[in-house]
Protein backbone atom coordinates (compact mmCIF):
# COMPACT_ATOMS: atom_id res chain seq x y z
CA MET A 1 90.99 1.57 62.51
CA ASP A 2 92.98 2.23 65.63
CA ILE A 3 91.79 1.40 69.14
CA VAL A 4 93.77 2.66 72.12
CA TRP A 5 93.09 2.13 75.78
CA ARG A 6 94.57 2.84 79.17
CA GLU A 7 93.89 2.11 82.79
CA LEU A 8 92.39 5.10 84.55
CA ASN A 9 94.58 5.00 87.66
CA GLY A 10 92.48 7.66 89.38
CA LEU A 11 91.70 9.73 86.28
CA GLY A 12 88.11 10.41 85.33
CA GLY A 13 86.89 8.26 82.44
CA HIS A 14 85.77 11.14 80.23
CA GLU A 15 89.02 13.07 80.72
CA ALA A 16 91.11 9.97 80.06
CA GLY A 17 89.10 9.25 76.91
CA LEU A 18 89.69 12.77 75.59
CA ALA A 19 93.40 12.47 76.39
CA LEU A 20 93.53 9.21 74.44
CA LEU A 21 91.69 10.84 71.54
CA GLU A 22 94.13 13.73 71.51
CA GLN A 23 97.11 11.34 71.61
CA LEU A 24 95.74 9.14 68.84
CA HIS A 25 94.78 12.09 66.66
CA ARG A 26 98.25 13.63 67.01
CA GLU A 27 99.92 10.28 66.20
CA LYS A 28 97.83 9.79 63.06
CA THR A 29 97.73 13.35 61.72
CA GLY A 30 100.62 15.21 63.37
CA LYS A 31 98.10 17.90 64.27
CA PRO A 32 96.44 18.96 67.52
CA LEU A 33 92.93 17.83 68.30
CA PRO A 34 90.40 19.83 66.27
CA PRO A 35 87.26 21.31 67.84
CA ILE A 36 84.57 18.81 68.81
CA ALA A 37 80.87 19.47 68.19
CA LYS A 38 77.74 17.41 68.89
CA THR A 39 74.85 16.46 66.65
CA PRO A 40 71.34 17.39 67.85
CA GLN A 41 71.12 13.83 69.27
CA GLY A 42 74.39 14.32 71.19
CA LYS A 43 76.89 12.36 69.08
CA PRO A 44 80.32 14.05 69.24
CA TYR A 45 82.19 14.65 66.00
CA PHE A 46 84.89 16.76 64.36
CA PRO A 47 83.13 19.38 62.19
CA GLN A 48 86.41 20.32 60.47
CA SER A 49 87.87 16.86 59.84
CA ASP A 50 87.19 13.77 57.76
CA LEU A 51 88.05 11.56 60.74
CA HIS A 52 85.49 10.00 63.08
CA PHE A 53 85.95 8.94 66.69
CA SER A 54 84.23 7.27 69.59
CA ILE A 55 85.13 7.03 73.28
CA SER A 56 84.03 4.66 76.02
CA HIS A 57 85.08 4.18 79.60
CA THR A 58 84.55 1.70 82.39
CA PRO A 59 85.39 2.12 86.08
CA ARG A 60 88.98 1.01 85.33
CA HIS A 61 89.66 1.81 81.66
CA ALA A 62 89.20 4.36 78.91
CA PHE A 63 88.97 3.32 75.26
CA CYS A 64 89.10 5.39 72.10
CA CYS A 65 88.96 4.66 68.40
CA LEU A 66 89.70 6.95 65.47
CA HIS A 67 88.65 5.97 61.96
CA LYS A 68 88.17 7.31 58.46
CA GLU A 69 84.49 6.29 58.60
CA ASN A 70 81.72 6.58 61.16
CA VAL A 71 82.51 4.54 64.27
CA GLY A 72 81.03 3.58 67.64
CA ILE A 73 82.83 1.87 70.55
CA ASP A 74 81.66 0.58 73.89
CA ALA A 75 83.43 -1.30 76.67
CA GLU A 76 82.32 -3.08 79.83
CA GLU A 77 84.39 -4.77 82.52
CA ILE A 78 83.98 -8.56 82.29
CA GLY A 79 82.07 -9.92 85.26
CA ARG A 80 80.36 -6.67 86.22
CA ALA A 81 76.81 -6.97 87.46
CA VAL A 82 74.25 -6.51 84.71
CA ASP A 83 70.57 -5.72 85.15
CA MET A 84 68.65 -8.54 83.47
CA ARG A 85 65.72 -6.12 82.96
CA LEU A 86 67.70 -4.81 79.99
CA LEU A 87 66.46 -7.88 78.13
CA SER A 88 62.85 -6.74 78.07
CA ARG A 89 63.67 -3.08 77.62
CA TYR A 90 66.20 -3.16 74.75
CA CYS A 91 66.37 -6.66 73.25
CA SER A 92 64.49 -8.31 70.42
CA ASP A 93 62.78 -11.68 70.90
CA SER A 94 65.64 -13.53 69.19
CA GLU A 95 68.24 -11.73 71.33
CA ARG A 96 66.31 -12.55 74.53
CA GLN A 97 66.21 -16.19 73.47
CA ARG A 98 69.97 -16.27 72.83
CA VAL A 99 70.70 -14.74 76.23
CA THR A 100 68.28 -16.82 78.31
CA SER A 101 69.44 -20.07 76.68
CA ALA A 102 73.13 -19.30 77.17
CA ALA A 103 75.16 -21.26 79.71
CA GLU A 104 75.93 -17.95 81.48
CA PRO A 105 72.99 -15.60 80.77
CA GLU A 106 74.45 -12.59 82.63
CA ASP A 107 77.71 -12.81 80.68
CA ALA A 108 75.79 -13.28 77.42
CA LEU A 109 73.74 -10.16 78.18
CA LEU A 110 76.87 -8.17 79.02
CA ARG A 111 78.41 -9.16 75.67
CA LEU A 112 75.18 -8.30 73.86
CA TRP A 113 74.91 -5.01 75.74
CA VAL A 114 78.41 -3.85 74.74
CA LEU A 115 77.49 -4.52 71.13
CA LYS A 116 74.17 -2.68 71.39
CA GLU A 117 75.78 0.35 73.03
CA SER A 118 78.51 0.53 70.39
CA TYR A 119 75.77 0.38 67.75
CA ALA A 120 73.84 3.17 69.51
CA LYS A 121 77.00 5.32 69.47
CA PHE A 122 77.62 4.41 65.83
CA THR A 123 74.13 5.49 64.78
CA GLY A 124 74.19 8.54 67.04
CA ARG A 125 70.63 7.75 68.13
CA GLY A 126 71.42 6.88 71.72
CA LEU A 127 69.55 4.21 73.64
CA GLY A 128 65.96 3.73 72.56
CA ASN A 129 63.22 1.38 71.41
CA TYR A 130 64.84 0.97 67.99
CA LEU A 131 67.36 -1.33 69.72
CA LYS A 132 64.57 -3.92 70.04
CA SER A 133 64.68 -4.33 66.25
CA THR A 134 68.32 -5.45 66.13
CA ASP A 135 69.29 -9.10 65.84
CA PHE A 136 72.69 -9.31 67.50
CA SER A 137 74.38 -12.30 69.05
CA PRO A 138 76.53 -12.47 72.19
CA ALA A 139 78.98 -14.43 70.00
CA ASP A 140 79.33 -11.59 67.45
CA PRO A 141 82.94 -11.30 66.18
CA ARG A 142 82.85 -7.51 66.65
CA ILE A 143 83.19 -8.18 70.40
CA GLN A 144 86.81 -8.36 71.56
CA ILE A 145 88.40 -8.93 74.94
CA ILE A 146 90.93 -6.25 75.87
CA ASP A 147 92.53 -6.18 79.34
CA GLY A 148 89.57 -7.73 81.13
CA CYS A 149 86.90 -5.82 79.19
CA TYR A 150 84.45 -6.70 76.47
CA VAL A 151 84.95 -4.11 73.73
CA ALA A 152 82.74 -3.80 70.65
CA VAL A 153 83.32 -1.53 67.67
CA PHE A 154 80.96 -0.66 64.84
CA THR A 155 82.19 0.93 61.62
CA GLU A 156 80.58 1.36 58.21
CA GLU A 157 82.37 -1.63 56.69
CA ARG A 158 81.85 -3.86 59.75
CA THR A 159 78.13 -3.06 59.66
CA GLN A 160 77.83 -4.02 56.00
CA ASN A 161 79.61 -7.32 56.57
CA HIS A 162 77.37 -8.46 59.42
CA ALA A 163 73.61 -8.76 59.57
CA LEU A 164 71.83 -6.37 61.85
């Protein structure tokens, strides 16, 4: 799986993400970007390609991944303010316990949130009550640090190798 990123430098996040997708697709296939469609739930995909992609952006960065299997990516700037009400709205009891007992609860929630959003993109279901049934950890190895951002990626094989 390939992950590419760039600083926005005044570009809009969505536009920068699409530019990254186009660049990555051309590098990997030698072909221009195929048409993009959306599922009824809003997940973008290539209807005429076996490749899968996901895009995320923060105020300063755009991230993109292209993969042979279903994929979801999310990124958040480290240190950004996070609404602790997310705990009661989207987190399971065990996740709430992990966050509230962490040395830095806001950072733990931000790490957990990037993982939950990447999972929501992976499933194509968006944000919803089903996220309360996950059992993720802020220490999950799917969370990486890239240029001052927490970045989490879900793929088919990385889902099978880690408990949900």
